[in-house]
Amino acid sequence: MKHNIILIFIIPMLLFSQSNATDGLTCAFWNVENLFDLLDDPNKNDEEFAIGGKKNVDEEIYNLKLKNMSEVLTDLNADILGLCEVENRFVLEQLNSSYSDKNYSIVHYDSPDNRGIDVALLYDSEKFEVLYSEAVPVVLPDNKPTRDILYVKGITGGKTLHIFVNHWPSKYGGAEATIPLRAIAGKTLRHHVDTLLEADPNADIVIMGDLNDEPFEPSIVEHLGADLYRNQVPSSFALTNLMTPIHDATDKGTYMYRGKHNVIDHIIVSRGLFDNQGWTSSQADVSVLDMPKYRQQTGDYKDYPFRFWAGNNLLGGYSDHLAVMIKLYPPK
């Protein structure tokens, strides 16, 4: 009888592992541009998106936001999806309900950000099993509140996969003045990555997020230790920024500022993703969800991402950021 009980638990685990081992895994990240609910939370600076706020948001506008986001999720068709600029778990659940193609499970923690915007992970529980998660605080000078880094450890295809979802401090207040803030975020993430690599130098790690810096800037190259061109960062634990093809193209990016394409949304991986022992990836497997409908086609802001809001004016698009994604290939 005791042996039968053990088999009951072992067989589902084997089925889970086998079902994942034959398929590739699509990981994606998207800054959704301010997904807020309609309630004014007195503990957050969210009143502009609430009923009665200066954006004049109503239920119809809120539902349009969810509908447009669901369209992006359909085009991504991601198994694992990192998001940022979401207010709370409630809006994530509503987004999941409005998106019919998958029934995502959710990992989310409330962050101390003044506006109440958080990072989160949606995942297909048939392909990825979460073993552990935590919110990693980014401690800024004077304890200025900012977004946490979300860490999720899971298993898929019989192999462990580590994921970090990021939304680093913005350049609001000036790019130069805020450099130290993003440096702190980079150092914080580096510390947690090193902890994993010290335990397992071949660990499969995927870092995704809006880092608010381009791939060549110090927060990413020096403090995080991630390089666009493999092996140029002098560290045995160097990370590879897979955004090289997008960064090297003058007409590509994930964001636009003053008419220039920027790459501030990143997918960065550990060397374990190149060793052919677990999940594998390459720079050729990274892409931006860049379709004509996701960019403005006319006017002064032609080619800019087709955002939902422009100040307090409703454009009714998608986001001021384009989504990024990578295909991981299963263990052989």
Protein backbone atom coordinates (compact mmCIF):
# COMPACT_ATOMS: atom_id res chain seq x y z
CA MET A 1 0.00 0.00 0.00
CA LYS A 2 2.84 2.38 0.89
CA HIS A 3 4.47 1.77 -2.54
CA ASN A 4 1.22 2.63 -4.33
CA ILE A 5 1.00 5.95 -2.50
CA ILE A 6 4.54 6.85 -3.56
CA LEU A 7 3.73 6.03 -7.20
CA ILE A 8 0.70 8.31 -7.10
CA PHE A 9 3.02 11.24 -6.39
CA ILE A 10 5.89 10.20 -8.68
CA ILE A 11 3.88 9.57 -11.85
CA PRO A 12 2.37 13.08 -12.15
CA MET A 13 5.84 14.57 -11.62
CA LEU A 14 7.25 12.44 -14.43
CA LEU A 15 4.40 13.37 -16.72
CA PHE A 16 5.00 17.06 -15.97
CA SER A 17 8.70 16.73 -16.75
CA GLN A 18 8.17 14.76 -19.96
CA SER A 19 5.47 17.10 -21.28
CA ASN A 20 7.87 20.04 -20.99
CA ALA A 21 10.99 18.34 -22.33
CA THR A 22 9.73 18.05 -25.91
CA ASP A 23 8.71 21.67 -26.51
CA GLY A 24 10.57 24.91 -26.73
CA LEU A 25 9.82 27.59 -24.16
CA THR A 26 8.92 31.16 -25.06
CA CYS A 27 9.90 33.74 -22.45
CA ALA A 28 8.82 37.36 -22.90
CA PHE A 29 8.82 40.70 -21.16
CA TRP A 30 6.61 43.76 -21.60
CA ASN A 31 6.29 47.14 -19.95
CA VAL A 32 2.52 47.50 -20.25
CA GLU A 33 2.35 51.28 -19.62
CA ASN A 34 0.35 51.90 -16.50
CA LEU A 35 -2.16 49.14 -15.89
CA PHE A 36 -4.10 50.62 -12.96
CA ASP A 37 -7.48 49.75 -11.53
CA LEU A 38 -10.24 52.35 -11.23
CA LEU A 39 -9.96 52.89 -7.47
CA ASP A 40 -8.05 55.69 -5.79
CA ASP A 41 -5.75 54.05 -3.26
CA PRO A 42 -4.92 56.66 -0.58
CA ASN A 43 -1.51 55.03 -0.07
CA LYS A 44 -0.45 55.40 -3.72
CA ASN A 45 -0.07 58.21 -6.25
CA ASP A 46 -2.60 56.55 -8.53
CA GLU A 47 -5.44 59.07 -8.52
CA GLU A 48 -4.96 60.16 -12.15
CA PHE A 49 -6.03 56.67 -13.31
CA ALA A 50 -8.97 56.41 -10.91
CA ILE A 51 -12.59 57.30 -11.52
CA GLY A 52 -12.79 61.09 -11.20
CA GLY A 53 -9.08 61.55 -11.91
CA LYS A 54 -7.61 63.95 -14.45
CA LYS A 55 -7.42 61.29 -17.16
CA ASN A 56 -11.20 60.86 -16.98
CA VAL A 57 -10.85 57.10 -16.99
CA ASP A 58 -14.06 55.11 -16.95
CA GLU A 59 -14.90 51.43 -17.17
CA GLU A 60 -15.04 51.54 -20.97
CA ILE A 61 -11.48 52.92 -21.17
CA TYR A 62 -10.26 50.41 -18.59
CA ASN A 63 -11.80 47.54 -20.57
CA LEU A 64 -10.18 48.88 -23.76
CA LYS A 65 -6.82 48.78 -22.01
CA LEU A 66 -7.37 45.14 -21.06
CA LYS A 67 -8.59 44.26 -24.55
CA ASN A 68 -5.55 45.82 -26.22
CA MET A 69 -3.20 44.15 -23.77
CA SER A 70 -4.82 40.80 -24.47
CA GLU A 71 -4.10 41.33 -28.16
CA VAL A 72 -0.40 41.71 -27.37
CA LEU A 73 -0.46 38.60 -25.19
CA THR A 74 -2.02 36.68 -28.07
CA ASP A 75 0.74 37.76 -30.44
CA LEU A 76 3.44 36.91 -27.88
CA ASN A 77 1.95 33.51 -27.00
CA ALA A 78 4.49 33.31 -24.18
CA ASP A 79 4.86 30.42 -21.77
CA ILE A 80 6.56 32.71 -19.26
CA LEU A 81 5.81 36.44 -19.31
CA GLY A 82 7.35 39.17 -17.18
CA LEU A 83 5.39 42.40 -16.85
CA CYS A 84 6.03 45.79 -15.31
CA GLU A 85 3.90 48.86 -14.55
CA VAL A 86 1.04 46.81 -13.11
CA GLU A 87 -0.67 48.19 -10.01
CA ASN A 88 -1.70 45.04 -8.16
CA ARG A 89 -2.75 41.43 -8.37
CA PHE A 90 -6.36 42.41 -9.11
CA VAL A 91 -5.48 43.96 -12.49
CA LEU A 92 -3.34 40.92 -13.32
CA GLU A 93 -6.27 38.62 -12.62
CA GLN A 94 -8.53 40.79 -14.77
CA LEU A 95 -6.00 40.74 -17.58
CA ASN A 96 -5.75 36.97 -17.30
CA SER A 97 -9.55 36.71 -17.48
CA SER A 98 -9.69 38.90 -20.58
CA TYR A 99 -7.02 36.82 -22.33
CA SER A 100 -8.64 33.60 -23.53
CA ASP A 101 -5.73 31.71 -25.11
CA LYS A 102 -4.04 30.66 -21.86
CA ASN A 103 -4.93 30.48 -18.20
CA TYR A 104 -1.82 31.93 -16.61
CA SER A 105 -0.73 31.46 -13.04
CA ILE A 106 0.57 34.62 -11.38
CA VAL A 107 3.56 35.56 -9.23
CA HIS A 108 3.24 39.06 -7.80
CA TYR A 109 4.33 41.06 -4.76
CA ASP A 110 3.32 44.62 -3.88
CA SER A 111 6.36 46.90 -4.12
CA PRO A 112 7.04 50.10 -2.16
CA ASP A 113 7.00 52.27 -5.31
CA ASN A 114 5.23 55.59 -4.72
CA ARG A 115 2.92 55.11 -7.68
CA GLY A 116 2.24 51.53 -6.68
CA ILE A 117 3.53 50.01 -9.91
CA ASP A 118 4.98 46.51 -9.62
CA VAL A 119 6.63 43.77 -11.61
CA ALA A 120 4.99 40.37 -12.03
CA LEU A 121 5.34 37.01 -13.74
CA LEU A 122 2.61 35.17 -15.61
CA TYR A 123 3.32 31.57 -16.51
CA ASP A 124 1.74 28.51 -18.06
CA SER A 125 1.67 26.02 -15.20
CA GLU A 126 1.53 23.14 -17.68
CA LYS A 127 5.02 24.09 -18.87
CA PHE A 128 6.63 25.70 -15.83
CA GLU A 129 6.33 24.77 -12.16
CA VAL A 130 7.28 27.47 -9.66
CA LEU A 131 9.36 26.16 -6.78
CA TYR A 132 10.17 29.44 -5.04
CA SER A 133 9.76 33.18 -5.46
CA GLU A 134 10.65 36.36 -3.62
CA ALA A 135 10.66 40.14 -4.00
CA VAL A 136 14.25 41.41 -3.86
CA PRO A 137 14.35 44.98 -2.47
CA VAL A 138 16.40 47.63 -4.24
CA VAL A 139 17.55 49.94 -1.45
CA LEU A 140 18.14 53.49 -2.72
CA PRO A 141 19.69 56.45 -0.83
CA ASP A 142 17.44 57.87 1.89
CA ASN A 143 15.30 54.73 1.42
CA LYS A 144 13.65 56.31 -1.61
CA PRO A 145 11.01 53.77 -2.65
CA THR A 146 11.33 51.95 -5.95
CA ARG A 147 10.28 48.70 -7.57
CA ASP A 148 11.50 45.38 -6.20
CA ILE A 149 13.20 42.83 -8.43
CA LEU A 150 11.10 39.68 -8.74
CA TYR A 151 12.99 36.39 -8.48
CA VAL A 152 11.30 33.14 -9.50
CA LYS A 153 12.84 29.67 -9.44
CA GLY A 154 11.05 26.95 -11.32
CA ILE A 155 11.41 23.64 -13.07
CA THR A 156 10.62 22.85 -16.69
CA GLY A 157 11.72 19.97 -18.86
CA GLY A 158 13.26 18.41 -15.76
CA LYS A 159 15.69 21.34 -15.42
CA THR A 160 15.77 24.30 -13.06
CA LEU A 161 15.29 27.77 -14.56
CA HIS A 162 15.92 31.01 -12.64
CA ILE A 163 14.11 34.18 -13.72
CA PHE A 164 14.55 37.79 -12.60
CA VAL A 165 11.95 40.41 -13.61
CA ASN A 166 13.13 44.02 -13.36
CA HIS A 167 11.96 47.62 -13.61
CA TRP A 168 14.92 49.78 -12.64
CA PRO A 169 14.68 53.44 -11.56
CA SER A 170 13.78 55.78 -14.40
CA LYS A 171 15.63 58.84 -15.70
CA TYR A 172 12.95 61.11 -14.32
CA GLY A 173 14.81 64.00 -12.74
CA GLY A 174 17.64 63.78 -15.27
CA ALA A 175 19.67 60.98 -16.82
CA GLU A 176 22.93 61.99 -15.15
CA ALA A 177 21.38 62.55 -11.72
CA THR A 178 19.75 59.12 -11.71
CA ILE A 179 22.77 57.08 -12.86
CA PRO A 180 23.61 56.08 -9.25
CA LEU A 181 20.09 54.71 -8.75
CA ARG A 182 20.33 52.30 -11.65
CA ALA A 183 23.85 51.38 -10.54
CA ILE A 184 22.37 50.26 -7.21
CA ALA A 185 19.76 48.17 -9.03
CA GLY A 186 22.49 46.57 -11.15
CA LYS A 187 24.64 45.79 -8.11
CA THR A 188 21.64 44.37 -6.23
CA LEU A 189 20.80 42.02 -9.09
CA ARG A 190 24.48 41.09 -9.55
CA HIS A 191 24.70 40.02 -5.90
CA HIS A 192 21.74 37.67 -6.24
CA VAL A 193 22.98 36.27 -9.55
CA ASP A 194 26.42 35.61 -8.01
CA THR A 195 24.78 33.72 -5.17
CA LEU A 196 23.16 31.38 -7.69
CA LEU A 197 26.31 30.96 -9.77
CA GLU A 198 28.50 30.28 -6.75
CA ALA A 199 26.19 27.37 -5.92
CA ASP A 200 25.97 26.23 -9.56
CA PRO A 201 28.25 27.88 -12.18
CA ASN A 202 26.13 26.30 -14.93
CA ALA A 203 22.80 27.63 -13.63
CA ASP A 204 20.27 28.62 -16.30
CA ILE A 205 19.35 32.24 -15.55
CA VAL A 206 17.12 34.57 -17.56
CA ILE A 207 17.07 38.27 -16.63
CA MET A 208 14.33 40.34 -18.23
CA GLY A 209 13.07 43.83 -17.73
CA ASP A 210 12.91 47.54 -18.39
CA LEU A 211 16.32 48.62 -17.10
CA ASN A 212 15.87 52.25 -18.21
CA ASP A 213 19.40 52.14 -19.63
CA GLU A 214 20.80 51.03 -22.95
CA PRO A 215 23.04 47.94 -23.22
CA PHE A 216 26.33 49.88 -23.23
CA GLU A 217 25.63 51.92 -20.08
CA PRO A 218 27.52 51.35 -16.79
CA SER A 219 24.57 50.00 -14.80
CA ILE A 220 24.37 47.05 -17.18
CA VAL A 221 27.96 46.50 -18.36
CA GLU A 222 29.89 47.36 -15.19
CA HIS A 223 27.51 46.85 -12.28
CA LEU A 224 25.45 43.94 -13.61
CA GLY A 225 28.32 42.53 -15.69
CA ALA A 226 26.28 41.89 -18.85
CA ASP A 227 27.88 42.31 -22.25
CA LEU A 228 26.46 42.58 -25.77
CA TYR A 229 29.42 40.77 -27.29
CA ARG A 230 30.15 37.57 -25.44
CA ASN A 231 33.28 37.17 -23.31
CA GLN A 232 34.18 40.88 -23.20
CA VAL A 233 33.20 41.30 -19.55
CA PRO A 234 36.18 40.07 -17.44
CA SER A 235 34.35 37.72 -15.10
CA SER A 236 33.96 33.99 -14.88
CA PHE A 237 30.33 34.72 -14.02
CA ALA A 238 29.76 37.10 -16.95
CA LEU A 239 26.27 37.51 -18.34
CA THR A 240 25.34 37.94 -22.00
CA ASN A 241 22.93 40.62 -23.15
CA LEU A 242 21.04 39.06 -26.05
CA MET A 243 19.80 42.40 -27.42
CA THR A 244 22.79 42.78 -29.78
CA PRO A 245 20.82 42.36 -33.08
CA ILE A 246 18.29 44.98 -31.99
CA HIS A 247 20.89 47.36 -30.58
CA ASP A 248 23.08 47.17 -33.72
CA ALA A 249 20.20 48.02 -36.06
CA THR A 250 19.53 51.76 -36.44
CA ASP A 251 15.84 51.25 -37.16
CA LYS A 252 15.03 48.94 -34.25
CA GLY A 253 14.46 49.30 -30.54
CA THR A 254 11.96 48.79 -27.74
CA TYR A 255 11.32 52.47 -26.98
CA MET A 256 11.76 55.85 -28.65
CA TYR A 257 13.03 59.10 -27.18
CA ARG A 258 13.42 62.32 -29.13
CA GLY A 259 13.06 60.47 -32.39
CA LYS A 260 15.76 57.92 -31.61
CA HIS A 261 15.29 54.18 -31.20
CA ASN A 262 16.38 53.00 -27.75
CA VAL A 263 16.90 49.52 -26.33
CA ILE A 264 15.95 49.76 -22.67
CA ASP A 265 13.99 46.50 -22.41
CA HIS A 266 16.41 43.61 -22.13
CA ILE A 267 16.81 39.86 -22.08
CA ILE A 268 20.09 38.82 -20.46
CA VAL A 269 21.21 35.26 -19.77
CA SER A 270 23.87 33.34 -17.89
CA ARG A 271 26.45 31.16 -19.62
CA GLY A 272 24.44 28.13 -18.59
CA LEU A 273 22.09 28.95 -21.47
CA PHE A 274 24.96 28.28 -23.90
CA ASP A 275 26.41 25.05 -22.49
CA ASN A 276 23.95 22.58 -24.10
CA GLN A 277 23.46 20.89 -20.73
CA GLY A 278 20.11 22.40 -19.82
CA TRP A 279 17.98 24.92 -21.70
CA THR A 280 19.80 26.72 -24.51
CA SER A 281 19.45 30.06 -26.28
CA SER A 282 21.26 32.40 -28.65
CA GLN A 283 21.07 36.00 -29.79
CA ALA A 284 19.33 34.76 -32.92
CA ASP A 285 16.46 33.57 -30.73
CA VAL A 286 15.62 37.05 -29.38
CA SER A 287 13.06 39.28 -31.07
CA VAL A 288 10.96 42.37 -30.50
CA LEU A 289 7.20 42.18 -31.05
CA ASP A 290 7.37 44.90 -33.68
CA MET A 291 4.39 44.94 -36.01
CA PRO A 292 2.92 47.96 -37.84
CA LYS A 293 -0.09 48.07 -35.52
CA TYR A 294 2.23 48.54 -32.54
CA ARG A 295 3.77 51.71 -33.98
CA GLN A 296 2.20 55.02 -34.95
CA GLN A 297 2.04 55.20 -38.72
CA THR A 298 1.52 58.94 -39.26
CA GLY A 299 2.02 62.33 -37.66
CA ASP A 300 4.78 63.92 -35.61
CA TYR A 301 5.33 60.70 -33.69
CA LYS A 302 5.46 58.38 -36.66
CA ASP A 303 7.32 55.12 -35.81
CA TYR A 304 6.95 55.66 -32.07
CA PRO A 305 5.34 52.77 -30.18
CA PHE A 306 1.57 53.27 -30.31
CA ARG A 307 0.93 54.08 -26.70
CA PHE A 308 -2.33 54.02 -24.79
CA TRP A 309 -1.93 57.45 -23.20
CA ALA A 310 -0.13 60.62 -24.33
CA GLY A 311 -0.24 62.69 -21.17
CA ASN A 312 -3.94 62.92 -20.37
CA ASN A 313 -4.98 62.28 -23.96
CA LEU A 314 -6.29 58.84 -24.80
CA LEU A 315 -4.64 57.45 -27.94
CA GLY A 316 -6.07 53.98 -27.41
CA GLY A 317 -2.98 52.06 -28.48
CA TYR A 318 -0.97 49.50 -26.58
CA SER A 319 2.09 50.81 -24.73
CA ASP A 320 5.03 53.17 -25.05
CA HIS A 321 7.25 50.07 -24.99
CA LEU A 322 7.45 47.12 -27.37
CA ALA A 323 7.59 43.64 -25.91
CA VAL A 324 10.69 41.45 -26.18
CA MET A 325 10.87 37.66 -26.27
CA ILE A 326 13.26 34.75 -26.49
CA LYS A 327 12.85 31.13 -27.50
CA LEU A 328 14.60 28.64 -25.23
CA TYR A 329 15.31 25.16 -26.52
CA PRO A 330 14.92 22.09 -24.34
CA PRO A 331 17.62 19.89 -22.86
CA LYS A 332 18.84 17.26 -25.32
